[in-house]
Protein backbone atom coordinates (compact mmCIF):
# COMPACT_ATOMS: atom_id res chain seq x y z
CA MET A 1 -38.54 40.94 11.57
CA ALA A 2 -37.40 39.78 15.29
CA VAL A 3 -38.24 36.26 16.08
CA ASP A 4 -37.95 35.37 19.52
CA VAL A 5 -36.37 31.64 19.62
CA ALA A 6 -35.87 30.02 22.99
CA ILE A 7 -32.54 29.06 23.51
CA ASP A 8 -33.20 25.18 23.73
CA TYR A 9 -35.29 25.37 20.57
CA ARG A 10 -34.46 22.61 18.06
CA PRO A 11 -36.46 22.45 14.63
CA SER A 12 -38.70 19.49 14.03
CA SER A 13 -40.18 17.81 11.05
CA ASP A 14 -43.42 18.17 12.90
CA GLU A 15 -43.67 21.98 12.30
CA PRO A 16 -44.09 23.75 9.20
CA PHE A 17 -40.86 23.79 7.03
CA MET A 18 -38.83 26.70 7.29
CA ASN A 19 -40.91 28.72 9.40
CA ASP A 20 -40.11 31.81 11.23
CA GLN A 21 -38.25 30.00 14.12
CA GLN A 22 -36.58 27.72 12.05
CA ARG A 23 -35.19 30.37 9.85
CA GLU A 24 -33.91 32.20 12.90
CA TYR A 25 -32.57 29.07 14.47
CA PHE A 26 -30.50 28.56 11.37
CA ARG A 27 -29.70 32.40 10.87
CA ARG A 28 -28.40 32.24 14.52
CA LYS A 29 -26.26 29.05 13.85
CA LEU A 30 -24.69 30.24 10.92
CA LEU A 31 -23.63 33.54 12.43
CA ALA A 32 -22.27 31.63 15.44
CA TRP A 33 -20.20 29.20 13.19
CA ARG A 34 -19.01 32.21 11.37
CA GLU A 35 -17.95 34.30 14.36
CA ASP A 36 -16.17 31.26 15.59
CA ILE A 37 -14.06 30.74 12.28
CA LEU A 38 -13.29 34.64 12.23
CA LYS A 39 -11.98 34.33 15.88
CA GLU A 40 -9.86 31.02 15.04
CA SER A 41 -8.51 33.13 11.99
CA LYS A 42 -7.64 36.18 13.99
CA GLU A 43 -5.54 33.73 16.64
CA THR A 44 -3.98 31.94 14.09
CA LEU A 45 -2.63 35.10 12.15
CA ALA A 46 -1.42 36.59 15.69
CA ALA A 47 0.20 32.93 16.40
CA LEU A 48 2.04 32.98 12.94
CA GLN A 49 3.16 36.61 13.44
CA GLU A 50 4.62 35.78 16.74
CA GLU A 51 6.19 32.69 15.27
CA SER A 52 7.99 34.76 12.38
CA THR A 53 11.25 34.21 14.02
CA ASN A 54 14.24 33.11 11.96
CA HIS A 55 15.51 29.44 13.11
CA PRO A 56 19.05 29.01 12.72
CA ASP A 57 18.63 25.31 12.71
CA LEU A 58 17.65 23.68 9.25
CA ALA A 59 15.34 21.28 10.53
CA ASP A 60 13.61 23.61 12.92
CA ARG A 61 12.91 26.24 10.09
CA ALA A 62 11.65 23.29 7.82
CA SER A 63 9.43 22.29 10.38
CA SER A 64 8.26 25.76 10.85
CA GLU A 65 7.47 26.37 7.44
CA THR A 66 5.56 23.00 7.13
CA ASP A 67 3.60 24.08 10.19
CA ARG A 68 2.67 27.50 8.36
CA SER A 69 1.75 26.07 5.27
CA ILE A 70 -0.67 23.68 7.08
CA GLU A 71 -2.22 26.63 8.71
CA LEU A 72 -2.36 28.57 5.88
CA ARG A 73 -4.21 25.86 3.61
CA ALA A 74 -6.56 25.36 6.70
CA ARG A 75 -7.32 29.20 6.84
CA ASP A 76 -7.98 29.14 3.09
CA ARG A 77 -10.25 26.25 3.39
CA GLN A 78 -12.11 28.33 6.16
CA ARG A 79 -12.13 31.30 3.87
CA LYS A 80 -14.23 29.22 1.32
CA LEU A 81 -16.50 28.20 4.19
CA ILE A 82 -17.27 31.68 5.38
CA SER A 83 -18.36 32.16 1.69
CA LYS A 84 -20.71 29.09 1.99
CA ILE A 85 -21.86 30.61 5.25
CA ASP A 86 -22.58 33.95 3.72
CA ASP A 87 -24.27 32.31 0.74
CA ALA A 88 -26.46 30.59 3.16
CA LEU A 89 -27.37 33.65 5.21
CA ALA A 90 -28.39 35.36 1.70
CA ARG A 91 -30.52 32.21 0.81
CA ILE A 92 -32.41 32.61 4.43
CA GLU A 93 -33.03 36.26 3.50
CA ASP A 94 -34.30 35.60 0.12
CA GLY A 95 -36.23 32.45 1.17
CA SER A 96 -34.36 29.80 -0.83
CA TYR A 97 -32.59 28.37 2.39
CA GLY A 98 -33.48 24.70 3.30
CA TYR A 99 -34.51 24.12 -0.69
CA CYS A 100 -32.56 21.68 -2.63
CA VAL A 101 -31.21 23.74 -5.70
CA GLU A 102 -31.38 20.86 -8.02
CA THR A 103 -34.92 19.37 -7.21
CA GLY A 104 -36.62 22.27 -5.29
CA GLU A 105 -37.57 19.81 -2.61
CA PRO A 106 -37.35 20.77 0.96
CA ILE A 107 -33.81 19.71 2.60
CA SER A 108 -34.57 17.65 5.83
CA VAL A 109 -34.28 19.61 8.88
CA ARG A 110 -31.97 16.84 10.41
CA ARG A 111 -29.46 17.31 7.44
CA LEU A 112 -29.71 21.39 7.81
CA ASP A 113 -29.05 21.08 11.72
CA ALA A 114 -26.02 18.81 11.02
CA ARG A 115 -24.64 20.90 7.91
CA PRO A 116 -26.55 24.24 7.83
CA ILE A 117 -24.66 25.24 4.49
CA ALA A 118 -26.10 22.20 2.69
CA THR A 119 -27.45 22.88 -0.64
CA LEU A 120 -28.56 19.43 -1.91
CA SER A 121 -30.88 17.08 -0.34
CA ILE A 122 -29.27 13.62 0.71
CA GLU A 123 -30.71 12.18 -2.56
CA ALA A 124 -29.39 14.78 -4.76
CA GLN A 125 -26.15 14.64 -2.98
CA GLU A 126 -25.87 11.00 -3.23
CA ALA A 127 -26.69 11.11 -7.04
CA HIS A 128 -24.31 14.15 -7.18
CA GLU A 129 -21.71 11.68 -5.48
CA ARG A 130 -22.29 8.85 -7.87
CA ARG A 131 -21.76 10.92 -10.72
CA GLU A 132 -18.75 12.38 -9.62
CA LYS A 133 -17.15 8.63 -8.71
CA ILE A 134 -18.34 7.65 -12.45
CA TYR A 135 -16.41 10.22 -13.92
CA ARG A 136 -13.62 10.16 -11.57
CA ASP A 137 -12.98 6.33 -12.12
CA ASP A 138 -12.87 6.91 -15.85
């Protein structure tokens, strides 16, 4: 079902939660984010392939290897982010997007707009972080 969403549309808490327009807005936002990450990844891979020259100077080689390692770690984080984006897109399709996985309550539209892959409401996220801190401090 195609939904027409204006370019300047922003979800509001004054409208029904996760109506067709909101779902389409977040679907497009997630797809655009995913596309940006994939584009960056392709550019990074191309740059890494070009940079594969062997540096005669040990310091240059070490610096190059450090840069490469940092880039690869960033790519790994982005790979995990793409997985979370894909999960969010699947939740849009199955109708569970926008609802907290712990409480079942709606996640605020403002939170989803800021972090479209959010699976927890602010309250559940704060409780999760408090529990994490307690266990980490032991």
